[in-house]
Amino acid sequence: MVLLVIPGPTIIMVVSQALAHGRRVAFASVVGVGLGDLAAASLSIMGVGTILAASATVFAVIKWAGAAYLVYIGIKMWTTPVSVPDIDSLPVAGGRRSAFRDSFLVTLLNPKGIVFFMAFVPQFITPAQDFAPQAAIFVIVFVLLGIFNAWAYAMLASGARNVIRRPSVLRAATRTGACFLIGAGVFSALARRSA
């Protein structure tokens, strides 16, 4: 829960989408987060976490790809105009499909999440029992908690959006989220890998 509740790049993106475009687009982001968590946790459990932990090259490639994508999404959010009248009924540039894709890729391309999951889960695996059912339970619980967490942030943000209807405030909130994503991408790219 602690890992999920602390807002990272994925939650910042979900909140920014909810503020800028409302619940329908934010819901697509939440689905993307859920499937991204499912893919990342599943890959981690299957051993990708071990590969990432052991191979500096693979870790660096995924880190740079994730960092570049965060910066790209941040720039895209910064430059996308925010419209205010009847926002929920207006089509969004790229729409829900784009929000889903972006949140899925940001979640999937976060190597720290994969390595964390691989380092954390084995402590709770009972060697005397079958591995697959235990791993499946951890993945399912993690994904469900991740979806609920992203949904809660999206609902809070979209609720705040209905209160904050001024274009300048929405633009500032969206651009703040964009800056955080760009910053997270730059920080992720420059962060050194711990031994």
C-alpha atoms as a PDB file:
ATOM      1  CA  MET A   1       0.000   0.000   0.000  1.00  0.00           C
ATOM      2  CA  VAL A   2       2.809   2.422   0.849  1.00  0.00           C
ATOM      3  CA  LEU A   3       4.431   1.845  -2.539  1.00  0.00           C
ATOM      4  CA  LEU A   4       1.129   2.528  -4.298  1.00  0.00           C
ATOM      5  CA  VAL A   5      -0.121   5.488  -2.246  1.00  0.00           C
ATOM      6  CA  ILE A   6       3.029   7.588  -2.733  1.00  0.00           C
ATOM      7  CA  PRO A   7       2.359   9.423  -6.016  1.00  0.00           C
ATOM      8  CA  GLY A   8       4.831   8.574  -8.730  1.00  0.00           C
ATOM      9  CA  PRO A   9       4.868   9.403 -12.447  1.00  0.00           C
ATOM     10  CA  THR A  10       1.862   7.168 -13.166  1.00  0.00           C
ATOM     11  CA  ILE A  11      -0.372   8.807 -10.553  1.00  0.00           C
ATOM     12  CA  ILE A  12       0.776  12.274 -11.574  1.00  0.00           C
ATOM     13  CA  MET A  13      -0.240  11.459 -15.133  1.00  0.00           C
ATOM     14  CA  VAL A  14      -3.644  10.074 -14.050  1.00  0.00           C
ATOM     15  CA  VAL A  15      -4.330  13.157 -11.920  1.00  0.00           C
ATOM     16  CA  SER A  16      -3.272  15.491 -14.735  1.00  0.00           C
ATOM     17  CA  GLN A  17      -5.520  13.665 -17.219  1.00  0.00           C
ATOM     18  CA  ALA A  18      -8.447  13.851 -14.775  1.00  0.00           C
ATOM     19  CA  LEU A  19      -7.910  17.567 -14.182  1.00  0.00           C
ATOM     20  CA  ALA A  20      -7.537  18.375 -17.862  1.00  0.00           C
ATOM     21  CA  HIS A  21     -10.119  16.083 -19.436  1.00  0.00           C
ATOM     22  CA  GLY A  22     -12.437  14.629 -16.794  1.00  0.00           C
ATOM     23  CA  ARG A  23     -13.487  11.214 -15.577  1.00  0.00           C
ATOM     24  CA  ARG A  24     -13.910   9.391 -18.880  1.00  0.00           C
ATOM     25  CA  VAL A  25     -10.333  10.021 -19.960  1.00  0.00           C
ATOM     26  CA  ALA A  26      -9.071   9.461 -16.414  1.00  0.00           C
ATOM     27  CA  PHE A  27     -10.856   6.093 -16.317  1.00  0.00           C
ATOM     28  CA  ALA A  28      -8.959   5.056 -19.467  1.00  0.00           C
ATOM     29  CA  SER A  29      -5.746   6.035 -17.666  1.00  0.00           C
ATOM     30  CA  VAL A  30      -6.746   3.918 -14.665  1.00  0.00           C
ATOM     31  CA  VAL A  31      -7.314   0.889 -16.924  1.00  0.00           C
ATOM     32  CA  GLY A  32      -3.895   1.515 -18.491  1.00  0.00           C
ATOM     33  CA  VAL A  33      -2.314   1.653 -15.029  1.00  0.00           C
ATOM     34  CA  GLY A  34      -3.976  -1.655 -14.104  1.00  0.00           C
ATOM     35  CA  LEU A  35      -2.802  -3.457 -17.230  1.00  0.00           C
ATOM     36  CA  GLY A  36       0.656  -1.883 -16.933  1.00  0.00           C
ATOM     37  CA  ASP A  37       0.904  -3.074 -13.329  1.00  0.00           C
ATOM     38  CA  LEU A  38      -0.323  -6.532 -14.374  1.00  0.00           C
ATOM     39  CA  ALA A  39       2.290  -6.792 -17.129  1.00  0.00           C
ATOM     40  CA  ALA A  40       5.131  -5.383 -14.988  1.00  0.00           C
ATOM     41  CA  ALA A  41       4.340  -7.509 -11.935  1.00  0.00           C
ATOM     42  CA  SER A  42       3.866 -10.641 -14.063  1.00  0.00           C
ATOM     43  CA  LEU A  43       7.142 -10.085 -15.904  1.00  0.00           C
ATOM     44  CA  SER A  44       8.858  -9.429 -12.603  1.00  0.00           C
ATOM     45  CA  ILE A  45       7.560 -12.603 -11.037  1.00  0.00           C
ATOM     46  CA  MET A  46       8.620 -14.578 -14.107  1.00  0.00           C
ATOM     47  CA  GLY A  47      12.203 -13.436 -13.680  1.00  0.00           C
ATOM     48  CA  VAL A  48      12.570 -10.151 -15.506  1.00  0.00           C
ATOM     49  CA  GLY A  49      13.270  -8.539 -12.151  1.00  0.00           C
ATOM     50  CA  THR A  50      16.269 -10.807 -11.736  1.00  0.00           C
ATOM     51  CA  ILE A  51      17.516  -9.930 -15.232  1.00  0.00           C
ATOM     52  CA  LEU A  52      17.070  -6.209 -14.560  1.00  0.00           C
ATOM     53  CA  ALA A  53      18.804  -6.527 -11.198  1.00  0.00           C
ATOM     54  CA  ALA A  54      21.711  -8.479 -12.734  1.00  0.00           C
ATOM     55  CA  SER A  55      22.139  -6.723 -16.089  1.00  0.00           C
ATOM     56  CA  ALA A  56      23.172  -3.103 -16.042  1.00  0.00           C
ATOM     57  CA  THR A  57      22.643  -2.872 -19.805  1.00  0.00           C
ATOM     58  CA  VAL A  58      19.047  -4.125 -19.768  1.00  0.00           C
ATOM     59  CA  PHE A  59      18.269  -1.936 -16.755  1.00  0.00           C
ATOM     60  CA  ALA A  60      19.766   1.092 -18.513  1.00  0.00           C
ATOM     61  CA  VAL A  61      17.818   0.455 -21.741  1.00  0.00           C
ATOM     62  CA  ILE A  62      14.502   0.169 -19.898  1.00  0.00           C
ATOM     63  CA  LYS A  63      15.359   3.132 -17.675  1.00  0.00           C
ATOM     64  CA  TRP A  64      16.194   5.364 -20.653  1.00  0.00           C
ATOM     65  CA  ALA A  65      13.123   4.233 -22.602  1.00  0.00           C
ATOM     66  CA  GLY A  66      10.897   4.943 -19.600  1.00  0.00           C
ATOM     67  CA  ALA A  67      12.587   8.294 -18.936  1.00  0.00           C
ATOM     68  CA  ALA A  68      12.252   9.382 -22.566  1.00  0.00           C
ATOM     69  CA  TYR A  69       8.596   8.395 -22.605  1.00  0.00           C
ATOM     70  CA  LEU A  70       7.904  10.373 -19.400  1.00  0.00           C
ATOM     71  CA  VAL A  71       9.510  13.465 -20.919  1.00  0.00           C
ATOM     72  CA  TYR A  72       7.537  12.960 -24.147  1.00  0.00           C
ATOM     73  CA  ILE A  73       4.232  12.634 -22.254  1.00  0.00           C
ATOM     74  CA  GLY A  74       5.081  15.693 -20.133  1.00  0.00           C
ATOM     75  CA  ILE A  75       5.808  17.794 -23.217  1.00  0.00           C
ATOM     76  CA  LYS A  76       2.631  16.535 -24.890  1.00  0.00           C
ATOM     77  CA  MET A  77       0.573  17.437 -21.801  1.00  0.00           C
ATOM     78  CA  TRP A  78       2.195  20.871 -21.638  1.00  0.00           C
ATOM     79  CA  THR A  79       1.351  21.679 -25.251  1.00  0.00           C
ATOM     80  CA  THR A  80      -2.187  20.215 -25.338  1.00  0.00           C
ATOM     81  CA  PRO A  81      -4.788  22.963 -24.929  1.00  0.00           C
ATOM     82  CA  VAL A  82      -7.226  22.634 -22.029  1.00  0.00           C
ATOM     83  CA  SER A  83     -10.841  23.494 -22.857  1.00  0.00           C
ATOM     84  CA  VAL A  84     -13.375  24.413 -20.214  1.00  0.00           C
ATOM     85  CA  PRO A  85     -17.004  24.625 -21.458  1.00  0.00           C
ATOM     86  CA  ASP A  86     -18.745  21.230 -21.276  1.00  0.00           C
ATOM     87  CA  ILE A  87     -15.372  19.532 -20.953  1.00  0.00           C
ATOM     88  CA  ASP A  88     -16.844  16.120 -20.234  1.00  0.00           C
ATOM     89  CA  SER A  89     -18.793  16.082 -23.502  1.00  0.00           C
ATOM     90  CA  LEU A  90     -15.998  17.296 -25.755  1.00  0.00           C
ATOM     91  CA  PRO A  91     -13.776  14.869 -27.659  1.00  0.00           C
ATOM     92  CA  VAL A  92     -10.186  14.941 -26.422  1.00  0.00           C
ATOM     93  CA  ALA A  93      -7.214  15.034 -28.774  1.00  0.00           C
ATOM     94  CA  GLY A  94      -6.035  11.433 -28.810  1.00  0.00           C
ATOM     95  CA  GLY A  95      -8.954  10.568 -26.547  1.00  0.00           C
ATOM     96  CA  ARG A  96      -9.251   7.703 -24.132  1.00  0.00           C
ATOM     97  CA  ARG A  97      -7.152   5.425 -26.311  1.00  0.00           C
ATOM     98  CA  SER A  98      -4.199   7.794 -26.027  1.00  0.00           C
ATOM     99  CA  ALA A  99      -4.665   8.162 -22.247  1.00  0.00           C
ATOM    100  CA  PHE A 100      -4.820   4.372 -21.894  1.00  0.00           C
ATOM    101  CA  ARG A 101      -1.690   3.835 -24.003  1.00  0.00           C
ATOM    102  CA  ASP A 102       0.300   6.516 -22.198  1.00  0.00           C
ATOM    103  CA  SER A 103      -0.532   5.296 -18.693  1.00  0.00           C
ATOM    104  CA  PHE A 104       0.081   1.663 -19.692  1.00  0.00           C
ATOM    105  CA  LEU A 105       3.535   2.427 -21.105  1.00  0.00           C
ATOM    106  CA  VAL A 106       4.568   4.725 -18.247  1.00  0.00           C
ATOM    107  CA  THR A 107       3.578   2.028 -15.747  1.00  0.00           C
ATOM    108  CA  LEU A 108       5.196  -0.812 -17.701  1.00  0.00           C
ATOM    109  CA  LEU A 109       8.462   1.024 -18.433  1.00  0.00           C
ATOM    110  CA  ASN A 110       9.209   1.779 -14.784  1.00  0.00           C
ATOM    111  CA  PRO A 111      12.098  -0.618 -13.982  1.00  0.00           C
ATOM    112  CA  LYS A 112      12.183   0.401 -10.329  1.00  0.00           C
ATOM    113  CA  GLY A 113       8.702  -1.049  -9.843  1.00  0.00           C
ATOM    114  CA  ILE A 114       9.730  -4.336 -11.432  1.00  0.00           C
ATOM    115  CA  VAL A 115      12.915  -4.602  -9.362  1.00  0.00           C
ATOM    116  CA  PHE A 116      11.046  -3.630  -6.178  1.00  0.00           C
ATOM    117  CA  PHE A 117       8.371  -6.263  -6.791  1.00  0.00           C
ATOM    118  CA  MET A 118      11.017  -8.907  -7.459  1.00  0.00           C
ATOM    119  CA  ALA A 119      12.911  -7.990  -4.277  1.00  0.00           C
ATOM    120  CA  PHE A 120       9.818  -7.691  -2.074  1.00  0.00           C
ATOM    121  CA  VAL A 121       7.624 -10.689  -2.982  1.00  0.00           C
ATOM    122  CA  PRO A 122      10.126 -13.545  -2.434  1.00  0.00           C
ATOM    123  CA  GLN A 123      10.178 -12.777   1.296  1.00  0.00           C
ATOM    124  CA  PHE A 124       6.561 -13.904   1.486  1.00  0.00           C
ATOM    125  CA  ILE A 125       6.763 -17.000  -0.739  1.00  0.00           C
ATOM    126  CA  THR A 126       6.586 -20.288   1.134  1.00  0.00           C
ATOM    127  CA  PRO A 127       9.125 -22.628  -0.533  1.00  0.00           C
ATOM    128  CA  ALA A 128       7.235 -25.756   0.565  1.00  0.00           C
ATOM    129  CA  GLN A 129       4.148 -24.742  -1.450  1.00  0.00           C
ATOM    130  CA  ASP A 130       3.572 -24.308  -5.188  1.00  0.00           C
ATOM    131  CA  PHE A 131       5.086 -21.078  -6.477  1.00  0.00           C
ATOM    132  CA  ALA A 132       2.550 -20.229  -9.213  1.00  0.00           C
ATOM    133  CA  PRO A 133      -0.574 -19.867  -7.015  1.00  0.00           C
ATOM    134  CA  GLN A 134       1.326 -17.790  -4.468  1.00  0.00           C
ATOM    135  CA  ALA A 135       2.786 -15.545  -7.169  1.00  0.00           C
ATOM    136  CA  ALA A 136      -0.635 -15.160  -8.810  1.00  0.00           C
ATOM    137  CA  ILE A 137      -2.164 -14.007  -5.518  1.00  0.00           C
ATOM    138  CA  PHE A 138       0.555 -11.369  -5.051  1.00  0.00           C
ATOM    139  CA  VAL A 139       0.193 -10.104  -8.625  1.00  0.00           C
ATOM    140  CA  ILE A 140      -3.616  -9.958  -8.443  1.00  0.00           C
ATOM    141  CA  VAL A 141      -3.646  -8.175  -5.076  1.00  0.00           C
ATOM    142  CA  PHE A 142      -0.998  -5.684  -6.250  1.00  0.00           C
ATOM    143  CA  VAL A 143      -2.884  -4.942  -9.487  1.00  0.00           C
ATOM    144  CA  LEU A 144      -6.238  -4.528  -7.723  1.00  0.00           C
ATOM    145  CA  LEU A 145      -4.707  -2.195  -5.137  1.00  0.00           C
ATOM    146  CA  GLY A 146      -2.982  -0.251  -7.936  1.00  0.00           C
ATOM    147  CA  ILE A 147      -6.257   0.138  -9.859  1.00  0.00           C
ATOM    148  CA  PHE A 148      -8.112   1.261  -6.733  1.00  0.00           C
ATOM    149  CA  ASN A 149      -5.351   3.740  -5.869  1.00  0.00           C
ATOM    150  CA  ALA A 150      -5.260   5.245  -9.378  1.00  0.00           C
ATOM    151  CA  TRP A 151      -9.073   5.377  -9.458  1.00  0.00           C
ATOM    152  CA  ALA A 152      -9.190   7.190  -6.086  1.00  0.00           C
ATOM    153  CA  TYR A 153      -6.667   9.785  -7.271  1.00  0.00           C
ATOM    154  CA  ALA A 154      -8.549  10.207 -10.566  1.00  0.00           C
ATOM    155  CA  MET A 155     -11.893  10.707  -8.792  1.00  0.00           C
ATOM    156  CA  LEU A 156     -10.399  13.240  -6.378  1.00  0.00           C
ATOM    157  CA  ALA A 157      -8.792  15.133  -9.241  1.00  0.00           C
ATOM    158  CA  SER A 158     -11.875  15.087 -11.460  1.00  0.00           C
ATOM    159  CA  GLY A 159     -13.957  16.243  -8.481  1.00  0.00           C
ATOM    160  CA  ALA A 160     -11.553  19.114  -7.967  1.00  0.00           C
ATOM    161  CA  ARG A 161     -11.809  19.837 -11.667  1.00  0.00           C
ATOM    162  CA  ASN A 162     -15.522  20.485 -11.358  1.00  0.00           C
ATOM    163  CA  VAL A 163     -14.779  23.046  -8.649  1.00  0.00           C
ATOM    164  CA  ILE A 164     -11.891  24.639 -10.553  1.00  0.00           C
ATOM    165  CA  ARG A 165     -13.498  25.594 -13.874  1.00  0.00           C
ATOM    166  CA  ARG A 166     -11.215  28.500 -14.770  1.00  0.00           C
ATOM    167  CA  PRO A 167      -9.008  27.758 -17.804  1.00  0.00           C
ATOM    168  CA  SER A 168      -5.948  29.377 -16.217  1.00  0.00           C
ATOM    169  CA  VAL A 169      -6.195  27.134 -13.139  1.00  0.00           C
ATOM    170  CA  LEU A 170      -6.747  23.970 -15.221  1.00  0.00           C
ATOM    171  CA  ARG A 171      -3.861  24.939 -17.486  1.00  0.00           C
ATOM    172  CA  ALA A 172      -1.616  25.547 -14.454  1.00  0.00           C
ATOM    173  CA  ALA A 173      -2.604  22.189 -12.899  1.00  0.00           C
ATOM    174  CA  THR A 174      -2.019  20.321 -16.173  1.00  0.00           C
ATOM    175  CA  ARG A 175       1.314  22.032 -16.750  1.00  0.00           C
ATOM    176  CA  THR A 176       2.363  21.326 -13.163  1.00  0.00           C
ATOM    177  CA  GLY A 177       1.636  17.637 -13.779  1.00  0.00           C
ATOM    178  CA  ALA A 178       3.532  17.887 -17.069  1.00  0.00           C
ATOM    179  CA  CYS A 179       6.531  19.416 -15.261  1.00  0.00           C
ATOM    180  CA  PHE A 180       6.476  16.614 -12.704  1.00  0.00           C
ATOM    181  CA  LEU A 181       6.449  14.011 -15.497  1.00  0.00           C
ATOM    182  CA  ILE A 182       9.311  15.714 -17.316  1.00  0.00           C
ATOM    183  CA  GLY A 183      11.187  16.025 -14.010  1.00  0.00           C
ATOM    184  CA  ALA A 184      10.528  12.367 -13.187  1.00  0.00           C
ATOM    185  CA  GLY A 185      11.841  11.390 -16.625  1.00  0.00           C
ATOM    186  CA  VAL A 186      14.995  13.472 -16.215  1.00  0.00           C
ATOM    187  CA  PHE A 187      15.507  12.227 -12.641  1.00  0.00           C
ATOM    188  CA  SER A 188      14.976   8.626 -13.745  1.00  0.00           C
ATOM    189  CA  ALA A 189      17.473   9.029 -16.561  1.00  0.00           C
ATOM    190  CA  LEU A 190      20.111  10.591 -14.316  1.00  0.00           C
ATOM    191  CA  ALA A 191      19.576   8.393 -11.240  1.00  0.00           C
ATOM    192  CA  ARG A 192      22.385   5.973 -10.587  1.00  0.00           C
ATOM    193  CA  ARG A 193      21.674   2.323 -10.182  1.00  0.00           C
ATOM    194  CA  SER A 194      22.335   1.090  -6.657  1.00  0.00           C
ATOM    195  CA  ALA A 195      24.483  -1.989  -6.251  1.00  0.00           C
END
